[in-house]
């Protein structure tokens, strides 16, 4: 599997994570996830690899999260919302060899390559 990054070029942490990967000789496939939303299956796979619940991969301070009324939503509703409104997904997510890491801080993704 190639290395992938769910990237938002407007996000400083996402830019820092992408630069860190490249500085370490890793040329990831860049997925502009806000333009090409991940499927519910992709989101489930990332959550399983991260060992996180859906709410932990959501930007809860994002205006869309609040506008969609997701604060008390169940996991299935959150998964559907992330697929339909990818801007609420926390970023950046890096996937490599069946594992995943959230680039917060950016250095956290380097554990995927050890």
Foldseek 3Di string as FASTA:
>chain_A
DAKEKQADVVDPQRVVLCVVCVVVVHDGHYHPCQVVPDALVVVVLQCVQVVHQLVVQFQCPDPVNVVVVPPPPDRVVSSVCCRVRVVGGQDIWMDDPSHIDHPVPSCRRCVRVD
